[in-house]
Amino acid sequence: MDMHIELSYCSFEAFKILAKNYLDLDSHPLFKKIESLMKETKIAPADVAENLMKKNLEIDADGSLKDLIQALEMKKKSQGAQLDEPKDKFINKFYKAFRMSSKA
């Protein structure tokens, strides 16, 4: 049996908790940019945590936050492309159907 489980996306408040846990940060100049991107992008808390901790021991907090910003920007682009694609497919199907009905 297939089951679909819908999980919530990461909010900025949840991000701040993750940043505190993984990077020991309460605030940072890059938080504003991250907050802005998180309002426009759907990303899972696990993906945020992965970006914060994957290089946690190798680089400083700035590097981890910049990696997260890059991940959010890539996610935003891919989500924008997904939104545009179905609309184009719908329009093409509509025109094909319209052409077929006008020939009849």
C-alpha atoms as a PDB file:
ATOM      1  CA  MET A   1       0.000   0.000   0.000  1.00  0.00           C
ATOM      2  CA  ASP A   2       1.393   3.367  -1.024  1.00  0.00           C
ATOM      3  CA  MET A   3       1.130   6.117   1.524  1.00  0.00           C
ATOM      4  CA  HIS A   4       1.859   9.781   1.008  1.00  0.00           C
ATOM      5  CA  ILE A   5       3.111  11.574   4.078  1.00  0.00           C
ATOM      6  CA  GLU A   6       3.187  15.324   3.869  1.00  0.00           C
ATOM      7  CA  LEU A   7       5.758  17.035   6.040  1.00  0.00           C
ATOM      8  CA  SER A   8       6.011  20.727   6.712  1.00  0.00           C
ATOM      9  CA  TYR A   9       8.711  22.896   5.225  1.00  0.00           C
ATOM     10  CA  CYS A  10      11.325  24.705   7.236  1.00  0.00           C
ATOM     11  CA  SER A  11      10.353  28.144   8.498  1.00  0.00           C
ATOM     12  CA  PHE A  12      12.829  30.871   9.373  1.00  0.00           C
ATOM     13  CA  GLU A  13      12.136  30.306  13.065  1.00  0.00           C
ATOM     14  CA  ALA A  14      13.005  26.618  12.679  1.00  0.00           C
ATOM     15  CA  PHE A  15      16.159  27.615  10.789  1.00  0.00           C
ATOM     16  CA  LYS A  16      17.239  29.814  13.699  1.00  0.00           C
ATOM     17  CA  ILE A  17      16.901  26.842  16.057  1.00  0.00           C
ATOM     18  CA  LEU A  18      18.975  24.689  13.695  1.00  0.00           C
ATOM     19  CA  ALA A  19      21.608  27.433  13.375  1.00  0.00           C
ATOM     20  CA  LYS A  20      21.816  27.643  17.163  1.00  0.00           C
ATOM     21  CA  ASN A  21      22.130  23.870  17.505  1.00  0.00           C
ATOM     22  CA  TYR A  22      24.654  23.285  14.711  1.00  0.00           C
ATOM     23  CA  LEU A  23      26.607  26.554  14.549  1.00  0.00           C
ATOM     24  CA  ASP A  24      25.938  28.095  17.985  1.00  0.00           C
ATOM     25  CA  LEU A  25      24.607  31.272  16.325  1.00  0.00           C
ATOM     26  CA  ASP A  26      21.799  33.468  17.599  1.00  0.00           C
ATOM     27  CA  SER A  27      22.178  36.030  14.824  1.00  0.00           C
ATOM     28  CA  HIS A  28      24.388  36.695  11.821  1.00  0.00           C
ATOM     29  CA  PRO A  29      24.438  39.256   8.976  1.00  0.00           C
ATOM     30  CA  LEU A  30      23.505  36.492   6.479  1.00  0.00           C
ATOM     31  CA  PHE A  31      20.280  35.683   8.371  1.00  0.00           C
ATOM     32  CA  LYS A  32      18.364  38.425   6.494  1.00  0.00           C
ATOM     33  CA  LYS A  33      19.274  36.923   3.120  1.00  0.00           C
ATOM     34  CA  ILE A  34      18.350  33.443   4.351  1.00  0.00           C
ATOM     35  CA  GLU A  35      15.037  34.697   5.737  1.00  0.00           C
ATOM     36  CA  SER A  36      14.196  36.312   2.404  1.00  0.00           C
ATOM     37  CA  LEU A  37      15.020  33.145   0.458  1.00  0.00           C
ATOM     38  CA  MET A  38      13.090  30.923   2.866  1.00  0.00           C
ATOM     39  CA  LYS A  39       9.945  32.991   2.303  1.00  0.00           C
ATOM     40  CA  GLU A  40      10.196  32.265  -1.432  1.00  0.00           C
ATOM     41  CA  THR A  41      11.418  28.660  -1.273  1.00  0.00           C
ATOM     42  CA  LYS A  42      10.093  25.391   0.084  1.00  0.00           C
ATOM     43  CA  ILE A  43      12.850  23.400   1.759  1.00  0.00           C
ATOM     44  CA  ALA A  44      12.705  20.587   4.296  1.00  0.00           C
ATOM     45  CA  PRO A  45      14.277  21.041   7.729  1.00  0.00           C
ATOM     46  CA  ALA A  46      16.489  18.015   7.052  1.00  0.00           C
ATOM     47  CA  ASP A  47      17.918  19.740   3.947  1.00  0.00           C
ATOM     48  CA  VAL A  48      18.655  22.869   5.977  1.00  0.00           C
ATOM     49  CA  ALA A  49      20.349  20.833   8.711  1.00  0.00           C
ATOM     50  CA  GLU A  50      22.375  18.935   6.114  1.00  0.00           C
ATOM     51  CA  ASN A  51      23.726  22.183   4.696  1.00  0.00           C
ATOM     52  CA  LEU A  52      24.543  23.533   8.136  1.00  0.00           C
ATOM     53  CA  MET A  53      26.357  20.462   9.400  1.00  0.00           C
ATOM     54  CA  LYS A  54      28.019  18.964   6.334  1.00  0.00           C
ATOM     55  CA  LYS A  55      30.992  21.250   6.594  1.00  0.00           C
ATOM     56  CA  ASN A  56      30.496  22.307  10.177  1.00  0.00           C
ATOM     57  CA  LEU A  57      33.837  20.876  11.272  1.00  0.00           C
ATOM     58  CA  GLU A  58      35.723  21.863   8.120  1.00  0.00           C
ATOM     59  CA  ILE A  59      34.750  25.526   7.717  1.00  0.00           C
ATOM     60  CA  ASP A  60      33.411  28.367   9.803  1.00  0.00           C
ATOM     61  CA  ALA A  61      29.802  29.494  10.242  1.00  0.00           C
ATOM     62  CA  ASP A  62      30.058  31.933   7.315  1.00  0.00           C
ATOM     63  CA  GLY A  63      30.881  29.084   4.952  1.00  0.00           C
ATOM     64  CA  SER A  64      28.035  26.933   6.238  1.00  0.00           C
ATOM     65  CA  LEU A  65      25.541  29.790   5.873  1.00  0.00           C
ATOM     66  CA  LYS A  66      26.800  30.583   2.365  1.00  0.00           C
ATOM     67  CA  ASP A  67      26.357  26.914   1.436  1.00  0.00           C
ATOM     68  CA  LEU A  68      22.779  27.104   2.695  1.00  0.00           C
ATOM     69  CA  ILE A  69      22.161  30.265   0.653  1.00  0.00           C
ATOM     70  CA  GLN A  70      23.439  28.492  -2.467  1.00  0.00           C
ATOM     71  CA  ALA A  71      21.195  25.501  -1.758  1.00  0.00           C
ATOM     72  CA  LEU A  72      18.179  27.794  -1.262  1.00  0.00           C
ATOM     73  CA  GLU A  73      18.906  29.646  -4.515  1.00  0.00           C
ATOM     74  CA  MET A  74      19.198  26.368  -6.433  1.00  0.00           C
ATOM     75  CA  LYS A  75      15.972  25.091  -4.855  1.00  0.00           C
ATOM     76  CA  LYS A  76      14.218  28.353  -5.732  1.00  0.00           C
ATOM     77  CA  LYS A  77      15.277  28.045  -9.383  1.00  0.00           C
ATOM     78  CA  SER A  78      14.165  24.419  -9.617  1.00  0.00           C
ATOM     79  CA  GLN A  79      10.815  25.188  -7.981  1.00  0.00           C
ATOM     80  CA  GLY A  80      10.287  28.101 -10.376  1.00  0.00           C
ATOM     81  CA  ALA A  81      11.010  25.851 -13.347  1.00  0.00           C
ATOM     82  CA  GLN A  82       8.532  23.263 -12.044  1.00  0.00           C
ATOM     83  CA  LEU A  83       5.835  25.909 -11.744  1.00  0.00           C
ATOM     84  CA  ASP A  84       6.347  27.115 -15.305  1.00  0.00           C
ATOM     85  CA  GLU A  85       6.465  23.669 -16.905  1.00  0.00           C
ATOM     86  CA  PRO A  86       2.917  22.434 -16.164  1.00  0.00           C
ATOM     87  CA  LYS A  87       1.416  25.707 -17.377  1.00  0.00           C
ATOM     88  CA  ASP A  88       3.164  25.303 -20.730  1.00  0.00           C
ATOM     89  CA  LYS A  89       2.012  21.693 -21.019  1.00  0.00           C
ATOM     90  CA  PHE A  90      -1.577  22.703 -20.206  1.00  0.00           C
ATOM     91  CA  ILE A  91      -1.526  25.465 -22.817  1.00  0.00           C
ATOM     92  CA  ASN A  92      -0.169  23.096 -25.469  1.00  0.00           C
ATOM     93  CA  LYS A  93      -2.856  20.504 -24.685  1.00  0.00           C
ATOM     94  CA  PHE A  94      -5.514  23.220 -24.785  1.00  0.00           C
ATOM     95  CA  TYR A  95      -4.412  24.430 -28.206  1.00  0.00           C
ATOM     96  CA  LYS A  96      -4.195  20.886 -29.569  1.00  0.00           C
ATOM     97  CA  ALA A  97      -7.713  20.161 -28.321  1.00  0.00           C
ATOM     98  CA  PHE A  98      -8.961  23.449 -29.728  1.00  0.00           C
ATOM     99  CA  ARG A  99      -7.412  22.734 -33.142  1.00  0.00           C
ATOM    100  CA  MET A 100      -8.944  19.263 -33.203  1.00  0.00           C
ATOM    101  CA  SER A 101     -12.410  20.540 -32.314  1.00  0.00           C
ATOM    102  CA  SER A 102     -12.256  23.355 -34.886  1.00  0.00           C
ATOM    103  CA  LYS A 103     -11.434  20.851 -37.661  1.00  0.00           C
ATOM    104  CA  ALA A 104     -14.530  18.817 -36.938  1.00  0.00           C
END
